[in-house]
Amino acid sequence: MPKIPVEFVISLQEIEVVVMGRQRELGLLDKGSEIVIVREDLCDELGLEVNRKKRIMMQTANSEKKELQGYVEYLELEVKGVRTYAHAFVMQLAPYQLLLGRSWQKGVKLEKIEQENSSIEIKISDLGESRKQVVVPVEGIKH
């Protein structure tokens, strides 16, 4: 079996997001998740209204099943001046505050840009009236 050089292993990636215009958080980019997830304690901190009528079960990457506590409608997520919105499901305990799944990524037309120096950036678009686009450096999670 050939050895794979460490530089070809891609770490988890995060971007800085301002949630509801008030709090900076790192959003975990997860193209394997179909939904956006916000941790319950962040909802409490920001005083967000959680609709608890709709609860769903989610299977995590390690095949564990978790019940989501409801959802927040129109969660405002701003990245470098581009204001976006997502319906975010609420998880009681998670190793992240905010997970940005495929629904959000598709909504902002996320494009991954791999630089020659191995750094990664993403381009996102405001699909509203402004049609603004920004390029944002992606941070790898440090263990």
C-alpha atoms as a PDB file:
ATOM      1  CA  MET A   1       0.000   0.000   0.000  1.00  0.00           C
ATOM      2  CA  PRO A   2       1.460   3.419  -0.936  1.00  0.00           C
ATOM      3  CA  LYS A   3       2.067   5.924   1.832  1.00  0.00           C
ATOM      4  CA  ILE A   4       0.051   9.131   1.728  1.00  0.00           C
ATOM      5  CA  PRO A   5       2.049  12.252   2.629  1.00  0.00           C
ATOM      6  CA  VAL A   6       0.619  14.203   5.561  1.00  0.00           C
ATOM      7  CA  GLU A   7       0.122  17.328   3.418  1.00  0.00           C
ATOM      8  CA  PHE A   8      -2.573  15.436   1.469  1.00  0.00           C
ATOM      9  CA  VAL A   9      -4.675  14.849   4.578  1.00  0.00           C
ATOM     10  CA  ILE A  10      -7.322  17.554   4.806  1.00  0.00           C
ATOM     11  CA  SER A  11      -8.239  18.673   8.298  1.00  0.00           C
ATOM     12  CA  LEU A  12     -11.656  19.875   9.355  1.00  0.00           C
ATOM     13  CA  GLN A  13     -12.195  23.418   8.161  1.00  0.00           C
ATOM     14  CA  GLU A  14     -13.763  26.443   9.854  1.00  0.00           C
ATOM     15  CA  ILE A  15     -14.620  30.019   8.943  1.00  0.00           C
ATOM     16  CA  GLU A  16     -15.415  32.987  11.140  1.00  0.00           C
ATOM     17  CA  VAL A  17     -19.137  33.796  11.262  1.00  0.00           C
ATOM     18  CA  VAL A  18     -21.025  36.562  13.059  1.00  0.00           C
ATOM     19  CA  VAL A  19     -24.228  35.039  14.429  1.00  0.00           C
ATOM     20  CA  MET A  20     -27.305  37.300  14.589  1.00  0.00           C
ATOM     21  CA  GLY A  21     -25.089  40.369  14.208  1.00  0.00           C
ATOM     22  CA  ARG A  22     -23.825  39.947  17.769  1.00  0.00           C
ATOM     23  CA  GLN A  23     -21.399  37.112  18.353  1.00  0.00           C
ATOM     24  CA  ARG A  24     -18.365  35.826  16.485  1.00  0.00           C
ATOM     25  CA  GLU A  25     -18.141  32.046  16.247  1.00  0.00           C
ATOM     26  CA  LEU A  26     -16.210  29.567  14.174  1.00  0.00           C
ATOM     27  CA  GLY A  27     -18.494  27.703  11.802  1.00  0.00           C
ATOM     28  CA  LEU A  28     -17.438  24.159  10.922  1.00  0.00           C
ATOM     29  CA  LEU A  29     -17.770  23.519   7.180  1.00  0.00           C
ATOM     30  CA  ASP A  30     -19.198  20.027   6.727  1.00  0.00           C
ATOM     31  CA  LYS A  31     -20.065  18.945   3.215  1.00  0.00           C
ATOM     32  CA  GLY A  32     -21.161  15.571   4.598  1.00  0.00           C
ATOM     33  CA  SER A  33     -24.027  17.101   6.576  1.00  0.00           C
ATOM     34  CA  GLU A  34     -27.274  18.074   4.905  1.00  0.00           C
ATOM     35  CA  ILE A  35     -28.316  20.469   7.681  1.00  0.00           C
ATOM     36  CA  VAL A  36     -27.101  23.465   9.687  1.00  0.00           C
ATOM     37  CA  ILE A  37     -26.692  22.840  13.411  1.00  0.00           C
ATOM     38  CA  VAL A  38     -26.371  25.356  16.233  1.00  0.00           C
ATOM     39  CA  ARG A  39     -25.590  24.307  19.779  1.00  0.00           C
ATOM     40  CA  GLU A  40     -28.320  24.891  22.359  1.00  0.00           C
ATOM     41  CA  ASP A  41     -26.127  26.921  24.716  1.00  0.00           C
ATOM     42  CA  LEU A  42     -25.384  29.411  21.913  1.00  0.00           C
ATOM     43  CA  CYS A  43     -29.142  29.768  21.341  1.00  0.00           C
ATOM     44  CA  ASP A  44     -29.597  30.442  25.067  1.00  0.00           C
ATOM     45  CA  GLU A  45     -26.721  32.951  25.116  1.00  0.00           C
ATOM     46  CA  LEU A  46     -28.191  34.914  22.200  1.00  0.00           C
ATOM     47  CA  GLY A  47     -31.795  34.606  23.388  1.00  0.00           C
ATOM     48  CA  LEU A  48     -32.877  32.857  20.181  1.00  0.00           C
ATOM     49  CA  GLU A  49     -36.385  31.498  19.842  1.00  0.00           C
ATOM     50  CA  VAL A  50     -36.253  27.736  19.332  1.00  0.00           C
ATOM     51  CA  ASN A  51     -39.241  26.027  17.756  1.00  0.00           C
ATOM     52  CA  ARG A  52     -39.372  22.803  19.763  1.00  0.00           C
ATOM     53  CA  LYS A  53     -42.414  21.394  17.963  1.00  0.00           C
ATOM     54  CA  LYS A  54     -40.303  19.676  15.334  1.00  0.00           C
ATOM     55  CA  ARG A  55     -37.650  17.334  16.697  1.00  0.00           C
ATOM     56  CA  ILE A  56     -35.721  14.971  14.503  1.00  0.00           C
ATOM     57  CA  MET A  57     -33.196  12.211  15.030  1.00  0.00           C
ATOM     58  CA  MET A  58     -29.804  12.648  13.433  1.00  0.00           C
ATOM     59  CA  GLN A  59     -27.141  10.063  12.748  1.00  0.00           C
ATOM     60  CA  THR A  60     -23.666  11.445  13.462  1.00  0.00           C
ATOM     61  CA  ALA A  61     -20.519  10.662  11.490  1.00  0.00           C
ATOM     62  CA  ASN A  62     -19.642   7.939  14.015  1.00  0.00           C
ATOM     63  CA  SER A  63     -23.110   6.318  13.571  1.00  0.00           C
ATOM     64  CA  GLU A  64     -24.430   7.594  16.909  1.00  0.00           C
ATOM     65  CA  LYS A  65     -28.062   8.759  16.946  1.00  0.00           C
ATOM     66  CA  LYS A  66     -28.883  12.104  18.572  1.00  0.00           C
ATOM     67  CA  GLU A  67     -32.194  13.859  19.011  1.00  0.00           C
ATOM     68  CA  LEU A  68     -32.166  17.468  17.877  1.00  0.00           C
ATOM     69  CA  GLN A  69     -34.007  19.834  20.221  1.00  0.00           C
ATOM     70  CA  GLY A  70     -35.908  21.806  17.582  1.00  0.00           C
ATOM     71  CA  TYR A  71     -34.829  24.503  15.168  1.00  0.00           C
ATOM     72  CA  VAL A  72     -34.203  28.217  14.792  1.00  0.00           C
ATOM     73  CA  GLU A  73     -35.780  29.818  11.748  1.00  0.00           C
ATOM     74  CA  TYR A  74     -33.817  32.403   9.778  1.00  0.00           C
ATOM     75  CA  LEU A  75     -30.626  32.251  11.826  1.00  0.00           C
ATOM     76  CA  GLU A  76     -28.550  35.181  10.587  1.00  0.00           C
ATOM     77  CA  LEU A  77     -24.999  34.195   9.651  1.00  0.00           C
ATOM     78  CA  GLU A  78     -22.695  36.931   8.376  1.00  0.00           C
ATOM     79  CA  VAL A  79     -19.372  36.183   6.712  1.00  0.00           C
ATOM     80  CA  LYS A  80     -17.147  39.173   5.846  1.00  0.00           C
ATOM     81  CA  GLY A  81     -20.141  41.428   5.256  1.00  0.00           C
ATOM     82  CA  VAL A  82     -22.232  38.882   3.358  1.00  0.00           C
ATOM     83  CA  ARG A  83     -25.394  38.330   5.375  1.00  0.00           C
ATOM     84  CA  THR A  84     -27.027  34.930   4.940  1.00  0.00           C
ATOM     85  CA  TYR A  85     -29.837  33.065   6.658  1.00  0.00           C
ATOM     86  CA  ALA A  86     -30.406  29.429   7.526  1.00  0.00           C
ATOM     87  CA  HIS A  87     -32.908  27.267   9.319  1.00  0.00           C
ATOM     88  CA  ALA A  88     -30.654  25.664  11.927  1.00  0.00           C
ATOM     89  CA  PHE A  89     -31.414  22.580  13.968  1.00  0.00           C
ATOM     90  CA  VAL A  90     -30.512  22.770  17.650  1.00  0.00           C
ATOM     91  CA  MET A  91     -28.269  20.174  19.283  1.00  0.00           C
ATOM     92  CA  GLN A  92     -27.859  20.013  23.042  1.00  0.00           C
ATOM     93  CA  LEU A  93     -24.227  18.855  23.121  1.00  0.00           C
ATOM     94  CA  ALA A  94     -21.824  19.014  20.192  1.00  0.00           C
ATOM     95  CA  PRO A  95     -18.070  19.476  19.729  1.00  0.00           C
ATOM     96  CA  TYR A  96     -18.803  22.698  17.787  1.00  0.00           C
ATOM     97  CA  GLN A  97     -21.004  25.770  18.275  1.00  0.00           C
ATOM     98  CA  LEU A  98     -22.087  25.959  14.654  1.00  0.00           C
ATOM     99  CA  LEU A  99     -22.012  23.423  11.827  1.00  0.00           C
ATOM    100  CA  LEU A 100     -22.521  24.719   8.289  1.00  0.00           C
ATOM    101  CA  GLY A 101     -23.836  21.825   6.229  1.00  0.00           C
ATOM    102  CA  ARG A 102     -24.697  21.461   2.563  1.00  0.00           C
ATOM    103  CA  SER A 103     -27.966  23.385   2.768  1.00  0.00           C
ATOM    104  CA  TRP A 104     -26.098  26.565   3.774  1.00  0.00           C
ATOM    105  CA  GLN A 105     -23.189  25.868   1.417  1.00  0.00           C
ATOM    106  CA  LYS A 106     -25.514  25.442  -1.564  1.00  0.00           C
ATOM    107  CA  GLY A 107     -27.452  28.560  -0.577  1.00  0.00           C
ATOM    108  CA  VAL A 108     -24.330  30.741  -0.716  1.00  0.00           C
ATOM    109  CA  LYS A 109     -22.895  28.997  -3.798  1.00  0.00           C
ATOM    110  CA  LEU A 110     -19.790  28.066  -1.788  1.00  0.00           C
ATOM    111  CA  GLU A 111     -16.714  27.500  -3.951  1.00  0.00           C
ATOM    112  CA  LYS A 112     -13.498  26.023  -2.592  1.00  0.00           C
ATOM    113  CA  ILE A 113     -10.270  27.611  -3.862  1.00  0.00           C
ATOM    114  CA  GLU A 114      -7.066  25.645  -3.357  1.00  0.00           C
ATOM    115  CA  GLN A 115      -3.959  27.829  -3.556  1.00  0.00           C
ATOM    116  CA  GLU A 116      -0.532  26.717  -4.795  1.00  0.00           C
ATOM    117  CA  ASN A 117       0.863  27.127  -1.260  1.00  0.00           C
ATOM    118  CA  SER A 118      -1.689  24.487  -0.056  1.00  0.00           C
ATOM    119  CA  SER A 119      -3.862  27.050   1.732  1.00  0.00           C
ATOM    120  CA  ILE A 120      -7.592  26.930   1.127  1.00  0.00           C
ATOM    121  CA  GLU A 121     -10.054  29.774   0.681  1.00  0.00           C
ATOM    122  CA  ILE A 122     -13.751  29.756  -0.006  1.00  0.00           C
ATOM    123  CA  LYS A 123     -15.856  32.142  -2.035  1.00  0.00           C
ATOM    124  CA  ILE A 124     -19.424  32.788  -0.967  1.00  0.00           C
ATOM    125  CA  SER A 125     -22.108  34.860  -2.641  1.00  0.00           C
ATOM    126  CA  ASP A 126     -24.988  36.956  -1.407  1.00  0.00           C
ATOM    127  CA  LEU A 127     -27.794  35.840  -3.685  1.00  0.00           C
ATOM    128  CA  GLY A 128     -29.961  38.801  -2.660  1.00  0.00           C
ATOM    129  CA  GLU A 129     -30.057  42.216  -4.219  1.00  0.00           C
ATOM    130  CA  SER A 130     -26.423  43.123  -3.531  1.00  0.00           C
ATOM    131  CA  ARG A 131     -24.939  40.087  -5.324  1.00  0.00           C
ATOM    132  CA  LYS A 132     -21.824  40.640  -3.208  1.00  0.00           C
ATOM    133  CA  GLN A 133     -19.110  37.956  -3.206  1.00  0.00           C
ATOM    134  CA  VAL A 134     -16.310  37.497  -0.692  1.00  0.00           C
ATOM    135  CA  VAL A 135     -13.286  35.241  -0.468  1.00  0.00           C
ATOM    136  CA  VAL A 136     -12.490  33.978   3.003  1.00  0.00           C
ATOM    137  CA  PRO A 137      -9.454  32.050   4.270  1.00  0.00           C
ATOM    138  CA  VAL A 138     -10.324  28.698   5.808  1.00  0.00           C
ATOM    139  CA  GLU A 139      -8.757  27.675   9.082  1.00  0.00           C
ATOM    140  CA  GLY A 140      -7.884  24.060   9.777  1.00  0.00           C
ATOM    141  CA  ILE A 141      -8.902  22.872  13.236  1.00  0.00           C
ATOM    142  CA  LYS A 142      -5.915  22.589  15.503  1.00  0.00           C
ATOM    143  CA  HIS A 143      -5.860  19.615  17.843  1.00  0.00           C
END
